[in-house]
PDB file of all heavy atoms in Angstrom:
ATOM      1  N   ASP A   1     -27.346   3.141  22.972  1.00  0.00           N
ATOM      2  CA  ASP A   1     -26.640   3.924  23.991  1.00  0.00           C
ATOM      3  C   ASP A   1     -26.256   5.318  23.493  1.00  0.00           C
ATOM      4  O   ASP A   1     -26.394   6.301  24.227  1.00  0.00           O
ATOM      5  CB  ASP A   1     -25.373   3.181  24.441  1.00  0.00           C
ATOM      6  CG  ASP A   1     -25.683   1.883  25.162  1.00  0.00           C
ATOM      7  OD1 ASP A   1     -26.517   1.902  26.085  1.00  0.00           O
ATOM      8  OD2 ASP A   1     -25.099   0.841  24.790  1.00  0.00           O
ATOM      9  N   TYR A   2     -25.757   5.393  22.251  1.00  0.00           N
ATOM     10  CA  TYR A   2     -25.306   6.670  21.689  1.00  0.00           C
ATOM     11  C   TYR A   2     -25.908   6.870  20.307  1.00  0.00           C
ATOM     12  O   TYR A   2     -25.828   5.974  19.452  1.00  0.00           O
ATOM     13  CB  TYR A   2     -23.780   6.712  21.542  1.00  0.00           C
ATOM     14  CG  TYR A   2     -23.009   6.659  22.833  1.00  0.00           C
ATOM     15  CD1 TYR A   2     -22.468   5.464  23.280  1.00  0.00           C
ATOM     16  CD2 TYR A   2     -22.816   7.808  23.604  1.00  0.00           C
ATOM     17  CE1 TYR A   2     -21.753   5.397  24.471  1.00  0.00           C
ATOM     18  CE2 TYR A   2     -22.103   7.752  24.795  1.00  0.00           C
ATOM     19  CZ  TYR A   2     -21.569   6.551  25.219  1.00  0.00           C
ATOM     20  OH  TYR A   2     -20.865   6.492  26.391  1.00  0.00           O
ATOM     21  N   LEU A   3     -26.508   8.023  20.091  1.00  0.00           N
ATOM     22  CA  LEU A   3     -26.955   8.421  18.764  1.00  0.00           C
ATOM     23  C   LEU A   3     -26.187   9.677  18.374  1.00  0.00           C
ATOM     24  O   LEU A   3     -26.313  10.718  19.026  1.00  0.00           O
ATOM     25  CB  LEU A   3     -28.459   8.693  18.736  1.00  0.00           C
ATOM     26  CG  LEU A   3     -29.011   9.260  17.417  1.00  0.00           C
ATOM     27  CD1 LEU A   3     -28.762   8.295  16.264  1.00  0.00           C
ATOM     28  CD2 LEU A   3     -30.503   9.579  17.539  1.00  0.00           C
ATOM     29  N   ILE A   4     -25.368   9.565  17.327  1.00  0.00           N
ATOM     30  CA  ILE A   4     -24.603  10.702  16.830  1.00  0.00           C
ATOM     31  C   ILE A   4     -25.267  11.181  15.558  1.00  0.00           C
ATOM     32  O   ILE A   4     -25.265  10.484  14.537  1.00  0.00           O
ATOM     33  CB  ILE A   4     -23.123  10.339  16.559  1.00  0.00           C
ATOM     34  CG1 ILE A   4     -22.441   9.882  17.855  1.00  0.00           C
ATOM     35  CG2 ILE A   4     -22.386  11.540  15.980  1.00  0.00           C
ATOM     36  CD1 ILE A   4     -22.445   8.393  18.058  1.00  0.00           C
ATOM     37  N   GLU A   5     -25.885  12.348  15.625  1.00  0.00           N
ATOM     38  CA  GLU A   5     -26.589  12.930  14.479  1.00  0.00           C
ATOM     39  C   GLU A   5     -25.741  14.091  13.967  1.00  0.00           C
ATOM     40  O   GLU A   5     -25.876  15.228  14.381  1.00  0.00           O
ATOM     41  CB  GLU A   5     -27.983  13.395  14.903  1.00  0.00           C
ATOM     42  CG  GLU A   5     -28.918  13.672  13.752  1.00  0.00           C
ATOM     43  CD  GLU A   5     -30.307  14.023  14.254  1.00  0.00           C
ATOM     44  OE1 GLU A   5     -30.502  15.170  14.715  1.00  0.00           O
ATOM     45  OE2 GLU A   5     -31.176  13.144  14.219  1.00  0.00           O
ATOM     46  N   CYS A   6     -24.847  13.757  13.053  1.00  0.00           N
ATOM     47  CA  CYS A   6     -23.825  14.708  12.612  1.00  0.00           C
ATOM     48  C   CYS A   6     -24.399  15.727  11.628  1.00  0.00           C
ATOM     49  O   CYS A   6     -25.031  15.343  10.642  1.00  0.00           O
ATOM     50  CB  CYS A   6     -22.683  13.932  11.947  1.00  0.00           C
ATOM     51  SG  CYS A   6     -21.340  14.965  11.352  1.00  0.00           S
ATOM     52  N   PRO A   7     -24.182  17.011  11.854  1.00  0.00           N
ATOM     53  CA  PRO A   7     -24.597  18.014  10.863  1.00  0.00           C
ATOM     54  C   PRO A   7     -23.873  17.784   9.536  1.00  0.00           C
ATOM     55  O   PRO A   7     -22.661  17.581   9.519  1.00  0.00           O
ATOM     56  CB  PRO A   7     -24.178  19.342  11.505  1.00  0.00           C
ATOM     57  CG  PRO A   7     -24.097  19.051  12.969  1.00  0.00           C
ATOM     58  CD  PRO A   7     -23.626  17.631  13.071  1.00  0.00           C
ATOM     59  N   PHE A   8     -24.624  17.781   8.444  1.00  0.00           N
ATOM     60  CA  PHE A   8     -24.035  17.497   7.134  1.00  0.00           C
ATOM     61  C   PHE A   8     -23.471  18.796   6.551  1.00  0.00           C
ATOM     62  O   PHE A   8     -24.032  19.412   5.642  1.00  0.00           O
ATOM     63  CB  PHE A   8     -25.070  16.867   6.209  1.00  0.00           C
ATOM     64  CG  PHE A   8     -24.463  16.106   5.069  1.00  0.00           C
ATOM     65  CD1 PHE A   8     -23.721  14.965   5.297  1.00  0.00           C
ATOM     66  CD2 PHE A   8     -24.640  16.531   3.764  1.00  0.00           C
ATOM     67  CE1 PHE A   8     -23.153  14.256   4.252  1.00  0.00           C
ATOM     68  CE2 PHE A   8     -24.087  15.829   2.707  1.00  0.00           C
ATOM     69  CZ  PHE A   8     -23.348  14.688   2.946  1.00  0.00           C
ATOM     70  N   THR A   9     -22.325  19.213   7.103  1.00  0.00           N
ATOM     71  CA  THR A   9     -21.682  20.468   6.718  1.00  0.00           C
ATOM     72  C   THR A   9     -20.829  20.283   5.467  1.00  0.00           C
ATOM     73  O   THR A   9     -20.583  19.168   5.002  1.00  0.00           O
ATOM     74  CB  THR A   9     -20.790  20.960   7.867  1.00  0.00           C
ATOM     75  OG1 THR A   9     -19.774  19.961   8.104  1.00  0.00           O
ATOM     76  CG2 THR A   9     -21.596  21.170   9.145  1.00  0.00           C
ATOM     77  N   GLU A  10     -20.336  21.397   4.949  1.00  0.00           N
ATOM     78  CA  GLU A  10     -19.442  21.346   3.797  1.00  0.00           C
ATOM     79  C   GLU A  10     -18.182  20.568   4.140  1.00  0.00           C
ATOM     80  O   GLU A  10     -17.654  19.806   3.306  1.00  0.00           O
ATOM     81  CB  GLU A  10     -19.070  22.776   3.368  1.00  0.00           C
ATOM     82  CG  GLU A  10     -18.225  22.860   2.106  1.00  0.00           C
ATOM     83  CD  GLU A  10     -18.988  22.453   0.850  1.00  0.00           C
ATOM     84  OE1 GLU A  10     -20.224  22.523   0.859  1.00  0.00           O
ATOM     85  OE2 GLU A  10     -18.319  22.067  -0.140  1.00  0.00           O
ATOM     86  N   GLU A  11     -17.692  20.720   5.358  1.00  0.00           N
ATOM     87  CA  GLU A  11     -16.505  19.984   5.787  1.00  0.00           C
ATOM     88  C   GLU A  11     -16.738  18.476   5.740  1.00  0.00           C
ATOM     89  O   GLU A  11     -15.883  17.718   5.266  1.00  0.00           O
ATOM     90  CB  GLU A  11     -16.122  20.403   7.206  1.00  0.00           C
ATOM     91  CG  GLU A  11     -14.888  19.688   7.752  1.00  0.00           C
ATOM     92  CD  GLU A  11     -14.554  20.100   9.182  1.00  0.00           C
ATOM     93  OE1 GLU A  11     -15.273  20.947   9.743  1.00  0.00           O
ATOM     94  OE2 GLU A  11     -13.571  19.565   9.739  1.00  0.00           O
ATOM     95  N   ILE A  12     -17.901  18.043   6.204  1.00  0.00           N
ATOM     96  CA  ILE A  12     -18.229  16.616   6.164  1.00  0.00           C
ATOM     97  C   ILE A  12     -18.401  16.147   4.727  1.00  0.00           C
ATOM     98  O   ILE A  12     -17.938  15.057   4.341  1.00  0.00           O
ATOM     99  CB  ILE A  12     -19.505  16.340   6.983  1.00  0.00           C
ATOM    100  CG1 ILE A  12     -19.235  16.514   8.483  1.00  0.00           C
ATOM    101  CG2 ILE A  12     -20.038  14.936   6.711  1.00  0.00           C
ATOM    102  CD1 ILE A  12     -18.304  15.482   9.067  1.00  0.00           C
ATOM    103  N   MET A  13     -19.043  16.973   3.908  1.00  0.00           N
ATOM    104  CA  MET A  13     -19.259  16.599   2.510  1.00  0.00           C
ATOM    105  C   MET A  13     -17.944  16.397   1.765  1.00  0.00           C
ATOM    106  O   MET A  13     -17.834  15.531   0.895  1.00  0.00           O
ATOM    107  CB  MET A  13     -20.087  17.677   1.806  1.00  0.00           C
ATOM    108  CG  MET A  13     -21.536  17.747   2.232  1.00  0.00           C
ATOM    109  SD  MET A  13     -22.429  19.140   1.488  1.00  0.00           S
ATOM    110  CE  MET A  13     -22.330  18.719  -0.246  1.00  0.00           C
ATOM    111  N   GLN A  14     -16.934  17.189   2.099  1.00  0.00           N
ATOM    112  CA  GLN A  14     -15.656  17.142   1.389  1.00  0.00           C
ATOM    113  C   GLN A  14     -14.639  16.209   2.048  1.00  0.00           C
ATOM    114  O   GLN A  14     -13.545  16.011   1.507  1.00  0.00           O
ATOM    115  CB  GLN A  14     -15.057  18.559   1.304  1.00  0.00           C
ATOM    116  CG  GLN A  14     -15.913  19.560   0.542  1.00  0.00           C
ATOM    117  CD  GLN A  14     -16.159  19.149  -0.897  1.00  0.00           C
ATOM    118  OE1 GLN A  14     -15.286  18.572  -1.551  1.00  0.00           O
ATOM    119  NE2 GLN A  14     -17.353  19.422  -1.404  1.00  0.00           N
ATOM    120  N   MET A  15     -14.970  15.631   3.197  1.00  0.00           N
ATOM    121  CA  MET A  15     -14.020  14.792   3.914  1.00  0.00           C
ATOM    122  C   MET A  15     -13.754  13.496   3.152  1.00  0.00           C
ATOM    123  O   MET A  15     -14.686  12.809   2.730  1.00  0.00           O
ATOM    124  CB  MET A  15     -14.552  14.474   5.314  1.00  0.00           C
ATOM    125  CG  MET A  15     -13.563  13.672   6.171  1.00  0.00           C
ATOM    126  SD  MET A  15     -14.223  13.327   7.838  1.00  0.00           S
ATOM    127  CE  MET A  15     -14.208  14.990   8.555  1.00  0.00           C
ATOM    128  N   GLU A  16     -12.483  13.167   2.976  1.00  0.00           N
ATOM    129  CA  GLU A  16     -12.131  11.918   2.308  1.00  0.00           C
ATOM    130  C   GLU A  16     -12.550  10.730   3.172  1.00  0.00           C
ATOM    131  O   GLU A  16     -12.537  10.795   4.401  1.00  0.00           O
ATOM    132  CB  GLU A  16     -10.633  11.861   2.034  1.00  0.00           C
ATOM    133  CG  GLU A  16     -10.151  12.892   1.023  1.00  0.00           C
ATOM    134  CD  GLU A  16     -10.767  12.698  -0.364  1.00  0.00           C
ATOM    135  OE1 GLU A  16     -11.168  11.554  -0.684  1.00  0.00           O
ATOM    136  OE2 GLU A  16     -10.850  13.683  -1.114  1.00  0.00           O
ATOM    137  N   ALA A  17     -12.899   9.646   2.524  1.00  0.00           N
ATOM    138  CA  ALA A  17     -13.401   8.476   3.227  1.00  0.00           C
ATOM    139  C   ALA A  17     -12.388   7.946   4.239  1.00  0.00           C
ATOM    140  O   ALA A  17     -12.752   7.546   5.353  1.00  0.00           O
ATOM    141  CB  ALA A  17     -13.776   7.389   2.226  1.00  0.00           C
ATOM    142  N   GLU A  18     -11.104   7.941   3.864  1.00  0.00           N
ATOM    143  CA  GLU A  18     -10.059   7.454   4.772  1.00  0.00           C
ATOM    144  C   GLU A  18      -9.958   8.322   6.027  1.00  0.00           C
ATOM    145  O   GLU A  18      -9.758   7.818   7.128  1.00  0.00           O
ATOM    146  CB  GLU A  18      -8.719   7.405   4.051  1.00  0.00           C
ATOM    147  CG  GLU A  18      -8.628   6.408   2.918  1.00  0.00           C
ATOM    148  CD  GLU A  18      -9.126   6.947   1.589  1.00  0.00           C
ATOM    149  OE1 GLU A  18      -9.691   8.074   1.569  1.00  0.00           O
ATOM    150  OE2 GLU A  18      -8.944   6.277   0.563  1.00  0.00           O
ATOM    151  N   THR A  19     -10.111   9.634   5.843  1.00  0.00           N
ATOM    152  CA  THR A  19     -10.079  10.559   6.989  1.00  0.00           C
ATOM    153  C   THR A  19     -11.267  10.309   7.905  1.00  0.00           C
ATOM    154  O   THR A  19     -11.138  10.317   9.143  1.00  0.00           O
ATOM    155  CB  THR A  19     -10.093  12.016   6.500  1.00  0.00           C
ATOM    156  OG1 THR A  19      -8.988  12.233   5.629  1.00  0.00           O
ATOM    157  CG2 THR A  19     -10.024  12.986   7.676  1.00  0.00           C
ATOM    158  N   PHE A  20     -12.414  10.074   7.300  1.00  0.00           N
ATOM    159  CA  PHE A  20     -13.615   9.798   8.095  1.00  0.00           C
ATOM    160  C   PHE A  20     -13.418   8.548   8.944  1.00  0.00           C
ATOM    161  O   PHE A  20     -13.777   8.523  10.128  1.00  0.00           O
ATOM    162  CB  PHE A  20     -14.832   9.640   7.196  1.00  0.00           C
ATOM    163  CG  PHE A  20     -16.085   9.264   7.935  1.00  0.00           C
ATOM    164  CD1 PHE A  20     -16.803  10.218   8.642  1.00  0.00           C
ATOM    165  CD2 PHE A  20     -16.534   7.951   7.955  1.00  0.00           C
ATOM    166  CE1 PHE A  20     -17.948   9.872   9.345  1.00  0.00           C
ATOM    167  CE2 PHE A  20     -17.671   7.598   8.654  1.00  0.00           C
ATOM    168  CZ  PHE A  20     -18.384   8.563   9.348  1.00  0.00           C
ATOM    169  N   ILE A  21     -12.854   7.503   8.374  1.00  0.00           N
ATOM    170  CA  ILE A  21     -12.617   6.270   9.120  1.00  0.00           C
ATOM    171  C   ILE A  21     -11.714   6.536  10.314  1.00  0.00           C
ATOM    172  O   ILE A  21     -11.986   6.106  11.436  1.00  0.00           O
ATOM    173  CB  ILE A  21     -12.005   5.195   8.202  1.00  0.00           C
ATOM    174  CG1 ILE A  21     -13.019   4.738   7.159  1.00  0.00           C
ATOM    175  CG2 ILE A  21     -11.526   3.992   9.029  1.00  0.00           C
ATOM    176  CD1 ILE A  21     -12.451   3.800   6.118  1.00  0.00           C
ATOM    177  N   ALA A  22     -10.617   7.258  10.075  1.00  0.00           N
ATOM    178  CA  ALA A  22      -9.663   7.536  11.150  1.00  0.00           C
ATOM    179  C   ALA A  22     -10.324   8.307  12.285  1.00  0.00           C
ATOM    180  O   ALA A  22     -10.135   7.984  13.470  1.00  0.00           O
ATOM    181  CB  ALA A  22      -8.470   8.313  10.595  1.00  0.00           C
ATOM    182  N   GLN A  23     -11.111   9.334  11.937  1.00  0.00           N
ATOM    183  CA  GLN A  23     -11.757  10.148  12.961  1.00  0.00           C
ATOM    184  C   GLN A  23     -12.852   9.362  13.676  1.00  0.00           C
ATOM    185  O   GLN A  23     -13.020   9.481  14.898  1.00  0.00           O
ATOM    186  CB  GLN A  23     -12.315  11.418  12.327  1.00  0.00           C
ATOM    187  CG  GLN A  23     -11.238  12.357  11.788  1.00  0.00           C
ATOM    188  CD  GLN A  23     -11.776  13.723  11.442  1.00  0.00           C
ATOM    189  OE1 GLN A  23     -12.906  14.066  11.762  1.00  0.00           O
ATOM    190  NE2 GLN A  23     -10.950  14.530  10.772  1.00  0.00           N
ATOM    191  N   MET A  24     -13.574   8.557  12.926  1.00  0.00           N
ATOM    192  CA  MET A  24     -14.638   7.755  13.510  1.00  0.00           C
ATOM    193  C   MET A  24     -14.085   6.805  14.573  1.00  0.00           C
ATOM    194  O   MET A  24     -14.603   6.718  15.689  1.00  0.00           O
ATOM    195  CB  MET A  24     -15.343   6.974  12.405  1.00  0.00           C
ATOM    196  CG  MET A  24     -16.387   5.993  12.885  1.00  0.00           C
ATOM    197  SD  MET A  24     -16.932   4.908  11.540  1.00  0.00           S
ATOM    198  CE  MET A  24     -15.464   3.872  11.308  1.00  0.00           C
ATOM    199  N   VAL A  25     -13.021   6.110  14.224  1.00  0.00           N
ATOM    200  CA  VAL A  25     -12.445   5.136  15.148  1.00  0.00           C
ATOM    201  C   VAL A  25     -11.897   5.828  16.393  1.00  0.00           C
ATOM    202  O   VAL A  25     -12.086   5.369  17.522  1.00  0.00           O
ATOM    203  CB  VAL A  25     -11.334   4.328  14.454  1.00  0.00           C
ATOM    204  CG1 VAL A  25     -10.642   3.405  15.453  1.00  0.00           C
ATOM    205  CG2 VAL A  25     -11.911   3.520  13.298  1.00  0.00           C
ATOM    206  N   GLN A  26     -11.235   6.946  16.187  1.00  0.00           N
ATOM    207  CA  GLN A  26     -10.629   7.669  17.305  1.00  0.00           C
ATOM    208  C   GLN A  26     -11.691   8.256  18.231  1.00  0.00           C
ATOM    209  O   GLN A  26     -11.604   8.102  19.461  1.00  0.00           O
ATOM    210  CB  GLN A  26      -9.727   8.791  16.786  1.00  0.00           C
ATOM    211  CG  GLN A  26      -9.121   9.646  17.896  1.00  0.00           C
ATOM    212  CD  GLN A  26      -8.375  10.857  17.348  1.00  0.00           C
ATOM    213  OE1 GLN A  26      -8.367  11.093  16.154  1.00  0.00           O
ATOM    214  NE2 GLN A  26      -7.758  11.611  18.237  1.00  0.00           N
ATOM    215  N   ARG A  27     -12.673   8.929  17.684  1.00  0.00           N
ATOM    216  CA  ARG A  27     -13.641   9.649  18.501  1.00  0.00           C
ATOM    217  C   ARG A  27     -14.685   8.738  19.136  1.00  0.00           C
ATOM    218  O   ARG A  27     -15.181   9.027  20.233  1.00  0.00           O
ATOM    219  CB  ARG A  27     -14.337  10.723  17.653  1.00  0.00           C
ATOM    220  CG  ARG A  27     -13.385  11.812  17.168  1.00  0.00           C
ATOM    221  CD  ARG A  27     -14.059  12.752  16.195  1.00  0.00           C
ATOM    222  NE  ARG A  27     -13.100  13.720  15.667  1.00  0.00           N
ATOM    223  CZ  ARG A  27     -13.367  14.597  14.717  1.00  0.00           C
ATOM    224  NH1 ARG A  27     -14.569  14.636  14.193  1.00  0.00           N
ATOM    225  NH2 ARG A  27     -12.445  15.437  14.290  1.00  0.00           N
ATOM    226  N   LEU A  28     -15.014   7.656  18.445  1.00  0.00           N
ATOM    227  CA  LEU A  28     -16.083   6.791  18.929  1.00  0.00           C
ATOM    228  C   LEU A  28     -15.567   5.482  19.508  1.00  0.00           C
ATOM    229  O   LEU A  28     -16.358   4.635  19.909  1.00  0.00           O
ATOM    230  CB  LEU A  28     -17.077   6.503  17.794  1.00  0.00           C
ATOM    231  CG  LEU A  28     -17.662   7.740  17.086  1.00  0.00           C
ATOM    232  CD1 LEU A  28     -18.663   7.317  16.025  1.00  0.00           C
ATOM    233  CD2 LEU A  28     -18.301   8.689  18.081  1.00  0.00           C
ATOM    234  N   ARG A  29     -14.246   5.309  19.535  1.00  0.00           N
ATOM    235  CA  ARG A  29     -13.599   4.119  20.107  1.00  0.00           C
ATOM    236  C   ARG A  29     -14.239   2.833  19.566  1.00  0.00           C
ATOM    237  O   ARG A  29     -14.668   1.961  20.317  1.00  0.00           O
ATOM    238  CB  ARG A  29     -13.658   4.162  21.627  1.00  0.00           C
ATOM    239  CG  ARG A  29     -12.943   5.370  22.242  1.00  0.00           C
ATOM    240  CD  ARG A  29     -12.658   5.161  23.703  1.00  0.00           C
ATOM    241  NE  ARG A  29     -11.711   4.051  23.906  1.00  0.00           N
ATOM    242  CZ  ARG A  29     -11.494   3.458  25.086  1.00  0.00           C
ATOM    243  NH1 ARG A  29     -12.161   3.863  26.159  1.00  0.00           N
ATOM    244  NH2 ARG A  29     -10.621   2.463  25.199  1.00  0.00           N
ATOM    245  N   VAL A  30     -14.272   2.734  18.259  1.00  0.00           N
ATOM    246  CA  VAL A  30     -14.993   1.666  17.580  1.00  0.00           C
ATOM    247  C   VAL A  30     -14.210   0.359  17.612  1.00  0.00           C
ATOM    248  O   VAL A  30     -13.035   0.314  17.246  1.00  0.00           O
ATOM    249  CB  VAL A  30     -15.287   2.075  16.112  1.00  0.00           C
ATOM    250  CG1 VAL A  30     -15.980   0.942  15.374  1.00  0.00           C
ATOM    251  CG2 VAL A  30     -16.144   3.336  16.071  1.00  0.00           C
ATOM    252  N   LYS A  31     -14.879  -0.717  18.016  1.00  0.00           N
ATOM    253  CA  LYS A  31     -14.292  -2.057  17.968  1.00  0.00           C
ATOM    254  C   LYS A  31     -14.985  -2.934  16.918  1.00  0.00           C
ATOM    255  O   LYS A  31     -14.403  -3.880  16.410  1.00  0.00           O
ATOM    256  CB  LYS A  31     -14.384  -2.733  19.336  1.00  0.00           C
ATOM    257  CG  LYS A  31     -13.714  -1.959  20.470  1.00  0.00           C
ATOM    258  CD  LYS A  31     -12.246  -1.637  20.170  1.00  0.00           C
ATOM    259  CE  LYS A  31     -11.366  -2.868  20.126  1.00  0.00           C
ATOM    260  NZ  LYS A  31      -9.944  -2.534  19.873  1.00  0.00           N
ATOM    261  N   TRP A  32     -16.232  -2.626  16.622  1.00  0.00           N
ATOM    262  CA  TRP A  32     -16.968  -3.309  15.568  1.00  0.00           C
ATOM    263  C   TRP A  32     -17.701  -2.260  14.743  1.00  0.00           C
ATOM    264  O   TRP A  32     -18.267  -1.301  15.297  1.00  0.00           O
ATOM    265  CB  TRP A  32     -18.004  -4.273  16.130  1.00  0.00           C
ATOM    266  CG  TRP A  32     -17.506  -5.670  16.394  1.00  0.00           C
ATOM    267  CD1 TRP A  32     -17.057  -6.175  17.591  1.00  0.00           C
ATOM    268  CD2 TRP A  32     -17.412  -6.742  15.445  1.00  0.00           C
ATOM    269  NE1 TRP A  32     -16.683  -7.488  17.438  1.00  0.00           N
ATOM    270  CE2 TRP A  32     -16.899  -7.878  16.137  1.00  0.00           C
ATOM    271  CE3 TRP A  32     -17.712  -6.872  14.084  1.00  0.00           C
ATOM    272  CZ2 TRP A  32     -16.682  -9.103  15.506  1.00  0.00           C
ATOM    273  CZ3 TRP A  32     -17.501  -8.086  13.457  1.00  0.00           C
ATOM    274  CH2 TRP A  32     -16.991  -9.186  14.160  1.00  0.00           C
ATOM    275  N   VAL A  33     -17.724  -2.452  13.412  1.00  0.00           N
ATOM    276  CA  VAL A  33     -18.542  -1.627  12.521  1.00  0.00           C
ATOM    277  C   VAL A  33     -19.532  -2.554  11.813  1.00  0.00           C
ATOM    278  O   VAL A  33     -19.128  -3.546  11.201  1.00  0.00           O
ATOM    279  CB  VAL A  33     -17.705  -0.885  11.463  1.00  0.00           C
ATOM    280  CG1 VAL A  33     -18.624  -0.051  10.561  1.00  0.00           C
ATOM    281  CG2 VAL A  33     -16.663   0.003  12.125  1.00  0.00           C
ATOM    282  N   ILE A  34     -20.810  -2.215  11.921  1.00  0.00           N
ATOM    283  CA  ILE A  34     -21.866  -2.969  11.245  1.00  0.00           C
ATOM    284  C   ILE A  34     -22.415  -2.063  10.138  1.00  0.00           C
ATOM    285  O   ILE A  34     -22.951  -0.989  10.420  1.00  0.00           O
ATOM    286  CB  ILE A  34     -23.002  -3.362  12.202  1.00  0.00           C
ATOM    287  CG1 ILE A  34     -22.439  -3.981  13.488  1.00  0.00           C
ATOM    288  CG2 ILE A  34     -23.983  -4.287  11.513  1.00  0.00           C
ATOM    289  CD1 ILE A  34     -21.665  -5.255  13.289  1.00  0.00           C
ATOM    290  N   ALA A  35     -22.265  -2.494   8.893  1.00  0.00           N
ATOM    291  CA  ALA A  35     -22.671  -1.645   7.774  1.00  0.00           C
ATOM    292  C   ALA A  35     -23.381  -2.451   6.705  1.00  0.00           C
ATOM    293  O   ALA A  35     -23.076  -3.634   6.485  1.00  0.00           O
ATOM    294  CB  ALA A  35     -21.451  -0.951   7.163  1.00  0.00           C
ATOM    295  N   GLY A  36     -24.331  -1.817   6.036  1.00  0.00           N
ATOM    296  CA  GLY A  36     -25.013  -2.449   4.921  1.00  0.00           C
ATOM    297  C   GLY A  36     -24.103  -2.524   3.708  1.00  0.00           C
ATOM    298  O   GLY A  36     -23.180  -1.711   3.553  1.00  0.00           O
ATOM    299  N   THR A  37     -24.362  -3.484   2.850  1.00  0.00           N
ATOM    300  CA  THR A  37     -23.521  -3.644   1.659  1.00  0.00           C
ATOM    301  C   THR A  37     -23.693  -2.494   0.674  1.00  0.00           C
ATOM    302  O   THR A  37     -22.873  -2.326  -0.227  1.00  0.00           O
ATOM    303  CB  THR A  37     -23.850  -4.972   0.952  1.00  0.00           C
ATOM    304  OG1 THR A  37     -25.264  -5.049   0.734  1.00  0.00           O
ATOM    305  CG2 THR A  37     -23.418  -6.161   1.801  1.00  0.00           C
ATOM    306  N   ASP A  38     -24.746  -1.690   0.853  1.00  0.00           N
ATOM    307  CA  ASP A  38     -24.966  -0.550  -0.042  1.00  0.00           C
ATOM    308  C   ASP A  38     -24.529   0.776   0.583  1.00  0.00           C
ATOM    309  O   ASP A  38     -24.699   1.829  -0.029  1.00  0.00           O
ATOM    310  CB  ASP A  38     -26.440  -0.463  -0.426  1.00  0.00           C
ATOM    311  CG  ASP A  38     -27.341  -0.206   0.778  1.00  0.00           C
ATOM    312  OD1 ASP A  38     -26.929  -0.533   1.918  1.00  0.00           O
ATOM    313  OD2 ASP A  38     -28.461   0.297   0.587  1.00  0.00           O
ATOM    314  N   PHE A  39     -23.971   0.738   1.786  1.00  0.00           N
ATOM    315  CA  PHE A  39     -23.616   1.978   2.478  1.00  0.00           C
ATOM    316  C   PHE A  39     -22.417   2.651   1.810  1.00  0.00           C
ATOM    317  O   PHE A  39     -21.430   2.009   1.465  1.00  0.00           O
ATOM    318  CB  PHE A  39     -23.294   1.690   3.952  1.00  0.00           C
ATOM    319  CG  PHE A  39     -22.855   2.902   4.721  1.00  0.00           C
ATOM    320  CD1 PHE A  39     -23.732   3.949   4.949  1.00  0.00           C
ATOM    321  CD2 PHE A  39     -21.558   3.006   5.208  1.00  0.00           C
ATOM    322  CE1 PHE A  39     -23.339   5.076   5.651  1.00  0.00           C
ATOM    323  CE2 PHE A  39     -21.158   4.128   5.914  1.00  0.00           C
ATOM    324  CZ  PHE A  39     -22.044   5.161   6.135  1.00  0.00           C
ATOM    325  N   ARG A  40     -22.523   3.975   1.615  1.00  0.00           N
ATOM    326  CA  ARG A  40     -21.448   4.777   1.031  1.00  0.00           C
ATOM    327  C   ARG A  40     -21.171   5.981   1.928  1.00  0.00           C
ATOM    328  O   ARG A  40     -22.085   6.522   2.554  1.00  0.00           O
ATOM    329  CB  ARG A  40     -21.837   5.285  -0.363  1.00  0.00           C
ATOM    330  CG  ARG A  40     -22.108   4.184  -1.384  1.00  0.00           C
ATOM    331  CD  ARG A  40     -20.835   3.447  -1.755  1.00  0.00           C
ATOM    332  NE  ARG A  40     -21.058   2.451  -2.801  1.00  0.00           N
ATOM    333  CZ  ARG A  40     -21.472   1.213  -2.592  1.00  0.00           C
ATOM    334  NH1 ARG A  40     -21.725   0.805  -1.352  1.00  0.00           N
ATOM    335  NH2 ARG A  40     -21.653   0.369  -3.587  1.00  0.00           N
ATOM    336  N   PHE A  41     -19.907   6.405   1.964  1.00  0.00           N
ATOM    337  CA  PHE A  41     -19.551   7.559   2.788  1.00  0.00           C
ATOM    338  C   PHE A  41     -18.318   8.231   2.204  1.00  0.00           C
ATOM    339  O   PHE A  41     -17.616   7.675   1.352  1.00  0.00           O
ATOM    340  CB  PHE A  41     -19.295   7.132   4.239  1.00  0.00           C
ATOM    341  CG  PHE A  41     -18.135   6.173   4.401  1.00  0.00           C
ATOM    342  CD1 PHE A  41     -16.867   6.639   4.704  1.00  0.00           C
ATOM    343  CD2 PHE A  41     -18.312   4.800   4.257  1.00  0.00           C
ATOM    344  CE1 PHE A  41     -15.785   5.762   4.855  1.00  0.00           C
ATOM    345  CE2 PHE A  41     -17.256   3.921   4.413  1.00  0.00           C
ATOM    346  CZ  PHE A  41     -15.989   4.403   4.709  1.00  0.00           C
ATOM    347  N   GLY A  42     -18.058   9.449   2.696  1.00  0.00           N
ATOM    348  CA  GLY A  42     -16.878  10.187   2.261  1.00  0.00           C
ATOM    349  C   GLY A  42     -17.085  10.946   0.968  1.00  0.00           C
ATOM    350  O   GLY A  42     -18.104  10.803   0.282  1.00  0.00           O
ATOM    351  N   HIS A  43     -16.106  11.776   0.629  1.00  0.00           N
ATOM    352  CA  HIS A  43     -16.161  12.611  -0.571  1.00  0.00           C
ATOM    353  C   HIS A  43     -16.365  11.745  -1.814  1.00  0.00           C
ATOM    354  O   HIS A  43     -15.689  10.730  -1.996  1.00  0.00           O
ATOM    355  CB  HIS A  43     -14.863  13.416  -0.687  1.00  0.00           C
ATOM    356  CG  HIS A  43     -14.846  14.377  -1.833  1.00  0.00           C
ATOM    357  ND1 HIS A  43     -15.866  15.269  -2.067  1.00  0.00           N
ATOM    358  CD2 HIS A  43     -13.927  14.577  -2.831  1.00  0.00           C
ATOM    359  CE1 HIS A  43     -15.581  15.989  -3.126  1.00  0.00           C
ATOM    360  NE2 HIS A  43     -14.426  15.583  -3.616  1.00  0.00           N
ATOM    361  N   GLN A  44     -17.339  12.151  -2.632  1.00  0.00           N
ATOM    362  CA  GLN A  44     -17.697  11.427  -3.857  1.00  0.00           C
ATOM    363  C   GLN A  44     -18.120   9.981  -3.581  1.00  0.00           C
ATOM    364  O   GLN A  44     -18.022   9.127  -4.454  1.00  0.00           O
ATOM    365  CB  GLN A  44     -16.538  11.478  -4.875  1.00  0.00           C
ATOM    366  CG  GLN A  44     -16.195  12.890  -5.319  1.00  0.00           C
ATOM    367  CD  GLN A  44     -15.073  12.932  -6.345  1.00  0.00           C
ATOM    368  OE1 GLN A  44     -14.265  12.002  -6.436  1.00  0.00           O
ATOM    369  NE2 GLN A  44     -15.023  14.005  -7.124  1.00  0.00           N
TER     370      GLN A  44
END
């Protein structure tokens, strides 16, 4: 239904993982997250 292809900007690169989670849930109204065991996100 929705494909979000986010530009990989400096702001995204430096965003802390906790901040990303908060924004993701708020903007995308997430009720379930399906992720691979090797998936990594957020600064460092």
